[in-house]
């Protein structure tokens, strides 16, 4: 753990380098290199966030498109024949500093394995169980997540529609009873006969 004076000085150098990155890039690089040398002299490792934010060689604050190029590369392509079929090769983000030309590599975690459609879900219901319960249930598949959402939307729509129809029917019934009075309507008087 660093002393409070050292941590305050490191924080000051880091913050001032970030503030001056756009207006005075040379001063920002100098402040960041002083920050890095102070970390090295104190035998401290820079945090991972700082490794992503600044070039390790010259101290340039990494602003993609302005003073650096960002690339996404897949690692381990050399021994493709030996490894066989690799479903998720490791990937890395490579940042090339345009000030000094150095490259900073940050490996990305491999993505999680996606659920294969051929395997059964733990929520699957057999046909015999569905018939015995008396309700119609379907097996849940990972690809049918949208259809269950669509079914719930359809149920909500039909529920709203039926409640609206009930309100309209009730309104017509109350209008018919109060407006007709003795059971006569305007059309009754207009009939010839």
N, C-alpha and C. Protein backbone atom coordinates (compact mmCIF):
# COMPACT_ATOMS: atom_id res chain seq x y z
N UNK A 1 0.84 -1.17 0.00
CA UNK A 1 0.00 0.00 0.00
C UNK A 1 0.89 1.23 0.00
N UNK A 2 0.58 2.20 -0.83
CA UNK A 2 1.38 3.41 -0.95
C UNK A 2 1.02 4.39 0.15
N UNK A 3 1.98 5.26 0.45
CA UNK A 3 1.72 6.29 1.46
C UNK A 3 0.71 7.30 0.92
N UNK A 4 0.05 8.04 1.80
CA UNK A 4 -0.94 9.01 1.32
C UNK A 4 -0.34 10.09 0.42
N UNK A 5 0.91 10.50 0.71
CA UNK A 5 1.56 11.51 -0.13
C UNK A 5 1.81 10.96 -1.53
N UNK A 6 2.28 9.72 -1.58
CA UNK A 6 2.57 9.11 -2.88
C UNK A 6 1.29 8.90 -3.68
N UNK A 7 0.26 8.42 -3.03
CA UNK A 7 -1.00 8.20 -3.76
C UNK A 7 -1.61 9.52 -4.21
N UNK A 8 -1.47 10.58 -3.40
CA UNK A 8 -1.98 11.90 -3.81
C UNK A 8 -1.20 12.43 -5.01
N UNK A 9 0.10 12.24 -5.00
CA UNK A 9 0.92 12.71 -6.13
C UNK A 9 0.61 11.93 -7.40
N UNK A 10 0.45 10.62 -7.27
CA UNK A 10 0.09 9.79 -8.44
C UNK A 10 -1.27 10.20 -8.99
N UNK A 11 -2.21 10.43 -8.11
CA UNK A 11 -3.55 10.85 -8.53
C UNK A 11 -3.48 12.20 -9.25
N UNK A 12 -2.68 13.13 -8.71
CA UNK A 12 -2.54 14.45 -9.32
C UNK A 12 -1.93 14.33 -10.72
N UNK A 13 -0.87 13.54 -10.85
CA UNK A 13 -0.22 13.38 -12.15
C UNK A 13 -1.16 12.74 -13.16
N UNK A 14 -1.90 11.74 -12.72
CA UNK A 14 -2.84 11.04 -13.61
C UNK A 14 -3.96 11.98 -14.06
N UNK A 15 -4.56 12.68 -13.11
CA UNK A 15 -5.67 13.58 -13.44
C UNK A 15 -5.22 14.73 -14.33
N UNK A 16 -4.07 15.33 -14.02
CA UNK A 16 -3.60 16.45 -14.84
C UNK A 16 -3.22 15.98 -16.24
N UNK A 17 -2.67 14.78 -16.37
CA UNK A 17 -2.34 14.25 -17.70
C UNK A 17 -3.60 14.03 -18.52
N UNK A 18 -4.65 13.55 -17.88
CA UNK A 18 -5.91 13.34 -18.60
C UNK A 18 -6.56 14.66 -18.98
N UNK A 19 -6.46 15.66 -18.11
CA UNK A 19 -7.06 16.96 -18.43
C UNK A 19 -6.34 17.66 -19.58
N UNK A 20 -5.04 17.46 -19.68
CA UNK A 20 -4.25 18.14 -20.71
C UNK A 20 -4.09 17.31 -21.99
N UNK A 21 -4.73 16.16 -22.07
CA UNK A 21 -4.54 15.27 -23.22
C UNK A 21 -4.96 15.92 -24.53
N UNK A 22 -6.04 16.69 -24.54
CA UNK A 22 -6.52 17.30 -25.78
C UNK A 22 -5.86 18.63 -26.06
N UNK A 23 -5.61 19.43 -25.03
CA UNK A 23 -5.09 20.78 -25.26
C UNK A 23 -3.57 20.82 -25.37
N UNK A 24 -2.87 20.03 -24.57
CA UNK A 24 -1.40 20.02 -24.59
C UNK A 24 -0.91 18.58 -24.53
N UNK A 25 -0.92 17.86 -25.66
CA UNK A 25 -0.57 16.44 -25.63
C UNK A 25 0.87 16.16 -25.19
N UNK A 26 1.81 17.06 -25.51
CA UNK A 26 3.20 16.83 -25.10
C UNK A 26 3.34 16.90 -23.59
N UNK A 27 2.68 17.89 -22.99
CA UNK A 27 2.71 18.02 -21.53
C UNK A 27 2.02 16.83 -20.88
N UNK A 28 0.93 16.38 -21.49
CA UNK A 28 0.21 15.22 -20.98
C UNK A 28 1.10 13.98 -21.02
N UNK A 29 1.82 13.79 -22.12
CA UNK A 29 2.74 12.64 -22.23
C UNK A 29 3.82 12.71 -21.15
N UNK A 30 4.36 13.90 -20.93
CA UNK A 30 5.41 14.05 -19.91
C UNK A 30 4.87 13.72 -18.52
N UNK A 31 3.69 14.24 -18.21
CA UNK A 31 3.10 13.96 -16.89
C UNK A 31 2.81 12.48 -16.71
N UNK A 32 2.33 11.83 -17.76
CA UNK A 32 2.03 10.39 -17.66
C UNK A 32 3.32 9.58 -17.54
N UNK A 33 4.38 9.98 -18.24
CA UNK A 33 5.64 9.25 -18.11
C UNK A 33 6.24 9.45 -16.72
N UNK A 34 6.07 10.65 -16.13
CA UNK A 34 6.51 10.87 -14.75
C UNK A 34 5.69 10.00 -13.79
N UNK A 35 4.41 9.88 -14.07
CA UNK A 35 3.53 9.02 -13.26
C UNK A 35 4.01 7.58 -13.32
N UNK A 36 4.32 7.11 -14.53
CA UNK A 36 4.77 5.72 -14.69
C UNK A 36 6.12 5.49 -14.02
N UNK A 37 7.04 6.46 -14.15
CA UNK A 37 8.35 6.29 -13.52
C UNK A 37 8.23 6.32 -11.99
N UNK A 38 7.33 7.13 -11.46
CA UNK A 38 7.11 7.15 -10.02
C UNK A 38 6.53 5.82 -9.54
N UNK A 39 5.63 5.24 -10.32
CA UNK A 39 5.10 3.91 -10.00
C UNK A 39 6.22 2.87 -10.00
N UNK A 40 7.08 2.94 -11.01
CA UNK A 40 8.17 1.97 -11.14
C UNK A 40 9.16 2.12 -9.99
N UNK A 41 9.50 3.36 -9.64
CA UNK A 41 10.44 3.60 -8.54
C UNK A 41 9.89 3.13 -7.20
N UNK A 42 8.57 3.18 -7.06
CA UNK A 42 7.94 2.76 -5.80
C UNK A 42 7.60 1.28 -5.79
N UNK A 43 7.98 0.56 -6.83
CA UNK A 43 7.70 -0.88 -6.97
C UNK A 43 6.21 -1.18 -6.90
N UNK A 44 5.41 -0.34 -7.55
CA UNK A 44 3.97 -0.54 -7.62
C UNK A 44 3.58 -0.89 -9.04
N UNK A 45 2.59 -1.75 -9.17
CA UNK A 45 2.06 -2.09 -10.49
C UNK A 45 0.94 -1.12 -10.84
N UNK A 46 0.91 -0.65 -12.09
CA UNK A 46 -0.21 0.23 -12.47
C UNK A 46 -1.50 -0.58 -12.54
N UNK A 47 -2.62 0.04 -12.20
CA UNK A 47 -3.90 -0.69 -12.29
C UNK A 47 -4.24 -1.02 -13.75
N UNK A 48 -5.08 -2.02 -13.92
CA UNK A 48 -5.45 -2.46 -15.27
C UNK A 48 -6.13 -1.35 -16.06
N UNK A 49 -6.90 -0.51 -15.38
CA UNK A 49 -7.56 0.59 -16.09
C UNK A 49 -6.55 1.55 -16.67
N UNK A 50 -5.46 1.81 -15.95
CA UNK A 50 -4.45 2.71 -16.46
C UNK A 50 -3.68 2.08 -17.62
N UNK A 51 -3.50 0.77 -17.57
CA UNK A 51 -2.82 0.09 -18.68
C UNK A 51 -3.62 0.23 -19.97
N UNK A 52 -4.95 0.29 -19.84
CA UNK A 52 -5.79 0.46 -21.02
C UNK A 52 -5.84 1.91 -21.47
N UNK A 53 -5.64 2.86 -20.56
CA UNK A 53 -5.83 4.27 -20.87
C UNK A 53 -4.60 4.95 -21.45
N UNK A 54 -3.40 4.50 -21.12
CA UNK A 54 -2.19 5.21 -21.54
C UNK A 54 -1.19 4.25 -22.17
N UNK A 55 -0.42 4.79 -23.11
CA UNK A 55 0.63 4.01 -23.76
C UNK A 55 1.74 3.77 -22.74
N UNK A 56 2.20 2.54 -22.65
CA UNK A 56 3.23 2.21 -21.68
C UNK A 56 4.60 2.73 -22.05
N UNK A 57 4.84 3.01 -23.33
CA UNK A 57 6.15 3.45 -23.76
C UNK A 57 6.34 4.96 -23.63
N UNK A 58 5.39 5.74 -24.15
CA UNK A 58 5.58 7.20 -24.17
C UNK A 58 4.64 7.95 -23.24
N UNK A 59 3.59 7.32 -22.74
CA UNK A 59 2.67 7.97 -21.82
C UNK A 59 1.51 8.68 -22.48
N UNK A 60 1.32 8.50 -23.78
CA UNK A 60 0.22 9.14 -24.48
C UNK A 60 -1.11 8.58 -24.00
N UNK A 61 -2.06 9.47 -23.71
CA UNK A 61 -3.40 9.03 -23.34
C UNK A 61 -4.05 8.48 -24.60
N UNK A 62 -4.56 7.26 -24.52
CA UNK A 62 -5.09 6.58 -25.70
C UNK A 62 -6.48 7.11 -26.05
N UNK A 63 -6.54 7.88 -27.11
CA UNK A 63 -7.80 8.35 -27.66
C UNK A 63 -7.88 7.78 -29.07
N UNK A 64 -8.76 6.82 -29.26
CA UNK A 64 -8.83 6.09 -30.53
C UNK A 64 -9.24 7.04 -31.65
N UNK A 65 -8.51 6.95 -32.76
CA UNK A 65 -8.81 7.77 -33.93
C UNK A 65 -8.09 9.10 -33.93
N UNK A 66 -7.59 9.52 -32.78
CA UNK A 66 -6.90 10.79 -32.73
C UNK A 66 -5.40 10.59 -32.64
N UNK A 67 -4.95 9.75 -31.72
CA UNK A 67 -3.52 9.49 -31.60
C UNK A 67 -3.23 8.00 -31.49
N UNK A 68 -4.12 7.20 -32.05
CA UNK A 68 -3.90 5.77 -32.02
C UNK A 68 -4.88 5.01 -32.88
N UNK A 69 -4.54 3.77 -33.15
CA UNK A 69 -5.37 2.88 -33.97
C UNK A 69 -5.74 1.68 -33.11
N UNK A 70 -6.99 1.31 -33.15
CA UNK A 70 -7.49 0.18 -32.37
C UNK A 70 -7.83 -0.95 -33.32
N UNK A 71 -7.33 -2.15 -33.04
CA UNK A 71 -7.60 -3.33 -33.86
C UNK A 71 -8.05 -4.47 -32.96
N UNK A 72 -8.89 -5.32 -33.51
CA UNK A 72 -9.33 -6.52 -32.82
C UNK A 72 -8.72 -7.70 -33.54
N UNK A 73 -7.88 -8.46 -32.86
CA UNK A 73 -7.19 -9.59 -33.49
C UNK A 73 -7.49 -10.86 -32.74
N UNK A 74 -7.48 -11.96 -33.50
CA UNK A 74 -7.63 -13.27 -32.88
C UNK A 74 -6.25 -13.89 -32.76
N UNK A 75 -5.94 -14.36 -31.58
CA UNK A 75 -4.63 -14.92 -31.30
C UNK A 75 -4.62 -16.42 -31.58
N UNK A 76 -3.44 -16.97 -31.75
CA UNK A 76 -3.28 -18.40 -31.89
C UNK A 76 -3.61 -18.94 -33.27
N UNK A 77 -3.43 -18.16 -34.31
CA UNK A 77 -3.71 -18.62 -35.67
C UNK A 77 -2.55 -19.42 -36.26
N UNK A 78 -1.36 -19.35 -35.68
CA UNK A 78 -0.19 -20.01 -36.26
C UNK A 78 -0.31 -21.53 -36.20
N UNK A 79 -0.78 -22.06 -35.11
CA UNK A 79 -0.86 -23.51 -34.92
C UNK A 79 -2.28 -24.01 -35.14
N UNK A 80 -2.93 -23.53 -36.16
CA UNK A 80 -4.32 -23.89 -36.40
C UNK A 80 -4.47 -25.38 -36.73
N UNK A 81 -3.51 -25.93 -37.47
CA UNK A 81 -3.60 -27.35 -37.84
C UNK A 81 -3.40 -28.25 -36.63
N UNK A 82 -2.50 -27.86 -35.74
CA UNK A 82 -2.22 -28.69 -34.58
C UNK A 82 -3.38 -28.66 -33.57
N UNK A 83 -3.99 -27.50 -33.40
CA UNK A 83 -5.05 -27.38 -32.42
C UNK A 83 -6.34 -28.04 -32.87
N UNK A 84 -6.52 -28.20 -34.15
CA UNK A 84 -7.75 -28.76 -34.65
C UNK A 84 -8.80 -27.67 -34.75
N UNK A 85 -10.03 -28.06 -34.52
CA UNK A 85 -11.13 -27.10 -34.62
C UNK A 85 -11.32 -26.40 -33.28
N UNK A 86 -11.06 -25.10 -33.28
CA UNK A 86 -11.23 -24.30 -32.07
C UNK A 86 -12.48 -23.46 -32.25
N UNK A 87 -13.42 -23.61 -31.33
CA UNK A 87 -14.69 -22.91 -31.48
C UNK A 87 -14.55 -21.43 -31.15
N UNK A 88 -13.84 -21.08 -30.11
CA UNK A 88 -13.69 -19.70 -29.71
C UNK A 88 -12.21 -19.39 -29.48
N UNK A 89 -11.48 -18.97 -30.52
CA UNK A 89 -10.07 -18.66 -30.31
C UNK A 89 -9.94 -17.41 -29.44
N UNK A 90 -8.85 -17.30 -28.68
CA UNK A 90 -8.69 -16.12 -27.83
C UNK A 90 -8.54 -14.86 -28.68
N UNK A 91 -9.11 -13.77 -28.20
CA UNK A 91 -9.05 -12.51 -28.93
C UNK A 91 -8.33 -11.47 -28.10
N UNK A 92 -7.81 -10.44 -28.78
CA UNK A 92 -7.11 -9.36 -28.10
C UNK A 92 -7.39 -8.05 -28.82
N UNK A 93 -7.40 -6.97 -28.04
CA UNK A 93 -7.50 -5.64 -28.60
C UNK A 93 -6.07 -5.11 -28.67
N UNK A 94 -5.66 -4.66 -29.85
CA UNK A 94 -4.32 -4.13 -30.05
C UNK A 94 -4.44 -2.65 -30.33
N UNK A 95 -3.77 -1.85 -29.51
CA UNK A 95 -3.76 -0.40 -29.68
C UNK A 95 -2.38 0.00 -30.15
N UNK A 96 -2.31 0.66 -31.31
CA UNK A 96 -1.03 1.12 -31.84
C UNK A 96 -0.94 2.63 -31.63
N UNK A 97 0.06 3.05 -30.88
CA UNK A 97 0.27 4.47 -30.59
C UNK A 97 0.90 5.12 -31.81
N UNK A 98 0.32 6.22 -32.28
CA UNK A 98 0.87 6.91 -33.44
C UNK A 98 2.02 7.84 -33.07
N UNK A 99 2.22 8.09 -31.78
CA UNK A 99 3.33 8.96 -31.36
C UNK A 99 4.65 8.20 -31.34
N UNK A 100 4.65 7.01 -30.75
CA UNK A 100 5.90 6.26 -30.64
C UNK A 100 5.91 4.97 -31.45
N UNK A 101 4.75 4.53 -31.93
CA UNK A 101 4.67 3.32 -32.75
C UNK A 101 4.57 2.03 -31.95
N UNK A 102 4.55 2.12 -30.64
CA UNK A 102 4.47 0.89 -29.85
C UNK A 102 3.05 0.34 -29.87
N UNK A 103 2.95 -0.95 -29.60
CA UNK A 103 1.65 -1.63 -29.59
C UNK A 103 1.36 -2.13 -28.18
N UNK A 104 0.14 -1.91 -27.74
CA UNK A 104 -0.32 -2.39 -26.45
C UNK A 104 -1.41 -3.41 -26.70
N UNK A 105 -1.23 -4.62 -26.16
CA UNK A 105 -2.21 -5.69 -26.36
C UNK A 105 -2.96 -5.94 -25.06
N UNK A 106 -4.26 -6.03 -25.18
CA UNK A 106 -5.11 -6.36 -24.04
C UNK A 106 -5.96 -7.55 -24.44
N UNK A 107 -5.75 -8.69 -23.77
CA UNK A 107 -6.51 -9.88 -24.13
C UNK A 107 -7.93 -9.77 -23.61
N UNK A 108 -8.86 -10.23 -24.42
CA UNK A 108 -10.27 -10.22 -24.06
C UNK A 108 -10.67 -11.59 -23.54
N UNK A 109 -11.59 -11.64 -22.61
CA UNK A 109 -12.05 -12.96 -22.15
C UNK A 109 -12.81 -13.66 -23.26
N UNK A 110 -12.71 -14.97 -23.27
CA UNK A 110 -13.42 -15.73 -24.30
C UNK A 110 -14.91 -15.66 -24.02
N UNK A 111 -15.73 -15.56 -25.07
CA UNK A 111 -17.17 -15.49 -24.85
C UNK A 111 -17.70 -16.80 -24.30
N UNK A 112 -18.80 -16.71 -23.58
CA UNK A 112 -19.42 -17.90 -23.01
C UNK A 112 -19.97 -18.79 -24.11
N UNK A 113 -20.00 -20.09 -23.84
CA UNK A 113 -20.54 -21.04 -24.80
C UNK A 113 -22.03 -20.81 -24.94
N UNK A 114 -22.50 -20.76 -26.16
CA UNK A 114 -23.93 -20.60 -26.40
C UNK A 114 -24.61 -21.95 -26.23
N UNK A 115 -25.86 -21.90 -25.83
CA UNK A 115 -26.66 -23.11 -25.64
C UNK A 115 -26.94 -23.72 -27.01
N UNK A 116 -26.62 -24.99 -27.17
CA UNK A 116 -26.85 -25.66 -28.45
C UNK A 116 -28.32 -26.04 -28.57
N UNK A 117 -28.92 -25.84 -29.76
CA UNK A 117 -30.34 -26.14 -29.91
C UNK A 117 -30.66 -27.63 -29.85
N UNK A 118 -29.70 -28.51 -30.01
CA UNK A 118 -29.95 -29.95 -30.00
C UNK A 118 -30.16 -30.51 -28.61
N UNK A 119 -29.71 -29.81 -27.59
CA UNK A 119 -29.84 -30.32 -26.23
C UNK A 119 -31.18 -29.93 -25.65
N UNK A 120 -31.68 -30.76 -24.73
CA UNK A 120 -32.98 -30.50 -24.12
C UNK A 120 -32.82 -29.54 -22.96
N UNK A 121 -33.81 -28.73 -22.79
CA UNK A 121 -33.83 -27.78 -21.69
C UNK A 121 -34.34 -28.48 -20.44
N UNK A 122 -33.97 -27.97 -19.29
CA UNK A 122 -34.44 -28.57 -18.04
C UNK A 122 -35.91 -28.26 -17.79
N UNK A 123 -36.46 -27.29 -18.51
CA UNK A 123 -37.86 -26.91 -18.34
C UNK A 123 -38.78 -27.64 -19.31
N UNK A 124 -38.26 -28.58 -20.06
CA UNK A 124 -39.08 -29.27 -21.05
C UNK A 124 -40.12 -30.13 -20.34
N UNK A 125 -41.31 -30.14 -20.89
CA UNK A 125 -42.42 -30.88 -20.31
C UNK A 125 -42.79 -31.99 -21.29
N UNK A 126 -42.94 -33.20 -20.77
CA UNK A 126 -43.28 -34.30 -21.66
C UNK A 126 -44.75 -34.22 -22.05
N UNK A 127 -45.09 -34.90 -23.14
CA UNK A 127 -46.45 -34.88 -23.65
C UNK A 127 -47.40 -35.57 -22.69
N UNK A 128 -46.95 -36.65 -22.05
CA UNK A 128 -47.81 -37.37 -21.11
C UNK A 128 -48.13 -36.51 -19.89
N UNK A 129 -47.17 -35.76 -19.40
CA UNK A 129 -47.42 -34.87 -18.26
C UNK A 129 -48.39 -33.77 -18.64
N UNK A 130 -48.26 -33.26 -19.86
CA UNK A 130 -49.15 -32.18 -20.31
C UNK A 130 -50.58 -32.70 -20.45
N UNK A 131 -50.74 -33.93 -20.94
CA UNK A 131 -52.08 -34.49 -21.11
C UNK A 131 -52.71 -34.78 -19.75
N UNK A 132 -51.93 -35.23 -18.79
CA UNK A 132 -52.49 -35.54 -17.48
C UNK A 132 -52.89 -34.28 -16.71
N UNK A 133 -52.20 -33.19 -16.94
CA UNK A 133 -52.55 -31.96 -16.22
C UNK A 133 -53.77 -31.29 -16.81
N UNK A 134 -54.12 -31.61 -18.04
CA UNK A 134 -55.32 -31.06 -18.65
C UNK A 134 -55.09 -29.73 -19.34
N UNK A 135 -53.94 -29.17 -19.20
CA UNK A 135 -53.64 -27.91 -19.88
C UNK A 135 -52.65 -28.17 -20.99
N UNK A 136 -52.71 -27.37 -21.99
CA UNK A 136 -51.81 -27.53 -23.12
C UNK A 136 -50.54 -26.73 -22.85
N UNK A 137 -49.43 -27.42 -22.76
CA UNK A 137 -48.15 -26.76 -22.55
C UNK A 137 -47.21 -27.21 -23.64
N UNK A 138 -46.29 -26.35 -24.01
CA UNK A 138 -45.32 -26.69 -25.04
C UNK A 138 -43.95 -26.78 -24.42
N UNK A 139 -43.07 -27.52 -25.10
CA UNK A 139 -41.70 -27.60 -24.65
C UNK A 139 -41.02 -26.28 -24.93
N UNK A 140 -40.23 -25.84 -23.97
CA UNK A 140 -39.52 -24.57 -24.15
C UNK A 140 -38.16 -24.84 -24.77
N UNK A 141 -37.92 -24.19 -25.87
CA UNK A 141 -36.64 -24.26 -26.54
C UNK A 141 -35.99 -22.90 -26.46
N UNK A 142 -34.66 -22.80 -26.55
CA UNK A 142 -34.02 -21.50 -26.49
C UNK A 142 -34.44 -20.59 -27.63
N UNK A 143 -34.75 -21.15 -28.79
CA UNK A 143 -35.13 -20.34 -29.94
C UNK A 143 -36.56 -19.85 -29.87
N UNK A 144 -37.37 -20.41 -28.97
CA UNK A 144 -38.77 -20.05 -28.88
C UNK A 144 -39.03 -18.99 -27.83
N UNK A 145 -38.03 -18.33 -27.33
CA UNK A 145 -38.21 -17.28 -26.34
C UNK A 145 -39.04 -16.15 -26.88
N UNK A 146 -38.91 -15.87 -28.15
CA UNK A 146 -39.68 -14.79 -28.76
C UNK A 146 -41.14 -15.20 -28.91
N UNK A 147 -41.40 -16.46 -29.23
CA UNK A 147 -42.79 -16.88 -29.41
C UNK A 147 -43.54 -16.88 -28.08
N UNK A 148 -42.89 -17.22 -26.98
CA UNK A 148 -43.58 -17.15 -25.69
C UNK A 148 -43.88 -15.71 -25.34
N UNK A 149 -42.99 -14.82 -25.70
CA UNK A 149 -43.24 -13.39 -25.49
C UNK A 149 -44.40 -12.94 -26.37
N UNK A 150 -44.43 -13.42 -27.60
CA UNK A 150 -45.53 -13.07 -28.51
C UNK A 150 -46.85 -13.63 -28.00
N UNK A 151 -46.82 -14.86 -27.45
CA UNK A 151 -48.04 -15.45 -26.90
C UNK A 151 -48.56 -14.63 -25.72
N UNK A 152 -47.68 -14.18 -24.87
CA UNK A 152 -48.14 -13.38 -23.73
C UNK A 152 -48.71 -12.05 -24.20
N UNK A 153 -48.13 -11.49 -25.26
CA UNK A 153 -48.67 -10.24 -25.82
C UNK A 153 -50.06 -10.49 -26.42
N UNK A 154 -50.23 -11.64 -27.09
CA UNK A 154 -51.54 -11.96 -27.68
C UNK A 154 -52.58 -12.15 -26.59
N UNK A 155 -52.20 -12.83 -25.50
CA UNK A 155 -53.14 -13.01 -24.39
C UNK A 155 -53.53 -11.68 -23.77
N UNK A 156 -52.58 -10.80 -23.60
CA UNK A 156 -52.88 -9.48 -23.03
C UNK A 156 -53.79 -8.69 -23.95
N UNK A 157 -53.55 -8.80 -25.26
CA UNK A 157 -54.38 -8.08 -26.23
C UNK A 157 -55.80 -8.61 -26.21
N UNK A 158 -55.95 -9.94 -26.18
CA UNK A 158 -57.31 -10.51 -26.17
C UNK A 158 -58.02 -10.18 -24.86
N UNK A 159 -57.29 -10.14 -23.76
CA UNK A 159 -57.89 -9.78 -22.47
C UNK A 159 -58.40 -8.34 -22.50
N UNK A 160 -57.60 -7.43 -23.06
CA UNK A 160 -58.03 -6.03 -23.18
C UNK A 160 -59.23 -5.91 -24.10
N UNK A 161 -59.19 -6.67 -25.21
CA UNK A 161 -60.27 -6.60 -26.19
C UNK A 161 -61.58 -7.11 -25.58
N UNK A 162 -61.50 -8.20 -24.84
CA UNK A 162 -62.73 -8.74 -24.24
C UNK A 162 -63.27 -7.79 -23.17
N UNK A 163 -62.39 -7.16 -22.42
CA UNK A 163 -62.88 -6.21 -21.41
C UNK A 163 -63.49 -4.99 -22.08
N UNK A 164 -62.93 -4.54 -23.21
CA UNK A 164 -63.52 -3.42 -23.94
C UNK A 164 -64.88 -3.79 -24.51
N UNK A 165 -64.99 -5.01 -25.04
CA UNK A 165 -66.28 -5.45 -25.58
C UNK A 165 -67.33 -5.54 -24.48
N UNK A 166 -66.93 -5.98 -23.31
CA UNK A 166 -67.87 -6.06 -22.19
C UNK A 166 -68.33 -4.67 -21.77
N UNK A 167 -67.42 -3.71 -21.77
CA UNK A 167 -67.79 -2.34 -21.41
C UNK A 167 -68.75 -1.75 -22.44
N UNK A 168 -68.48 -1.99 -23.72
CA UNK A 168 -69.35 -1.48 -24.79
C UNK A 168 -70.74 -2.11 -24.70
N UNK A 169 -70.80 -3.41 -24.47
CA UNK A 169 -72.09 -4.09 -24.35
C UNK A 169 -72.87 -3.57 -23.15
N UNK A 170 -72.20 -3.33 -22.06
CA UNK A 170 -72.85 -2.80 -20.86
C UNK A 170 -73.37 -1.39 -21.11
N UNK A 171 -72.59 -0.60 -21.84
CA UNK A 171 -73.00 0.76 -22.16
C UNK A 171 -74.22 0.77 -23.08
N UNK A 172 -74.22 -0.11 -24.07
CA UNK A 172 -75.36 -0.20 -24.99
C UNK A 172 -76.62 -0.64 -24.24
N UNK A 173 -76.45 -1.56 -23.33
CA UNK A 173 -77.60 -2.04 -22.56
C UNK A 173 -78.16 -0.93 -21.68
N UNK A 174 -77.30 -0.15 -21.06
CA UNK A 174 -77.79 0.93 -20.21
C UNK A 174 -78.40 2.06 -21.04
N UNK A 175 -77.84 2.34 -22.22
CA UNK A 175 -78.41 3.36 -23.10
C UNK A 175 -79.76 2.91 -23.64
N UNK A 176 -79.86 1.66 -23.98
CA UNK A 176 -81.11 1.13 -24.52
C UNK A 176 -82.23 1.19 -23.50
N UNK A 177 -81.95 0.90 -22.25
CA UNK A 177 -82.97 0.90 -21.21
C UNK A 177 -83.38 2.31 -20.84
N UNK A 178 -82.45 3.24 -20.74
CA UNK A 178 -82.79 4.60 -20.31
C UNK A 178 -83.34 5.44 -21.45
N UNK A 179 -82.89 5.27 -22.65
CA UNK A 179 -83.33 6.10 -23.77
C UNK A 179 -84.68 5.66 -24.32
N UNK A 180 -84.99 4.39 -24.25
CA UNK A 180 -86.24 3.93 -24.85
C UNK A 180 -87.45 4.29 -24.00
N UNK A 181 -87.27 4.47 -22.76
CA UNK A 181 -88.39 4.86 -21.90
C UNK A 181 -89.41 3.74 -21.79
N UNK A 182 -90.50 3.80 -22.58
CA UNK A 182 -91.55 2.79 -22.51
C UNK A 182 -91.38 1.71 -23.56
N UNK A 183 -90.22 1.58 -24.11
CA UNK A 183 -90.00 0.56 -25.11
C UNK A 183 -90.24 1.07 -26.52
N UNK A 184 -90.52 2.37 -26.66
CA UNK A 184 -90.72 2.96 -27.97
C UNK A 184 -89.48 3.72 -28.39
N UNK A 185 -89.25 3.69 -29.67
CA UNK A 185 -88.09 4.37 -30.23
C UNK A 185 -88.56 5.32 -31.31
N UNK A 186 -87.77 6.20 -31.78
CA UNK A 186 -88.11 7.13 -32.85
C UNK A 186 -88.52 6.38 -34.10
N UNK A 187 -87.92 5.27 -34.35
CA UNK A 187 -88.23 4.48 -35.54
C UNK A 187 -89.65 3.90 -35.46
N UNK A 188 -90.15 3.68 -34.25
CA UNK A 188 -91.51 3.17 -34.10
C UNK A 188 -92.54 4.18 -34.61
N UNK A 189 -92.28 5.46 -34.40
CA UNK A 189 -93.21 6.50 -34.85
C UNK A 189 -93.09 6.80 -36.33
N UNK A 190 -91.98 6.48 -36.92
CA UNK A 190 -91.77 6.79 -38.33
C UNK A 190 -92.27 5.70 -39.24
N UNK A 191 -92.72 4.60 -38.70
CA UNK A 191 -93.22 3.51 -39.53
C UNK A 191 -94.56 3.88 -40.14
N UNK A 192 -94.75 3.48 -41.36
CA UNK A 192 -96.05 3.69 -42.03
C UNK A 192 -96.99 2.57 -41.61
N UNK A 193 -98.12 2.94 -41.22
CA UNK A 193 -98.97 1.84 -41.01
C UNK A 193 -99.99 1.93 -40.07
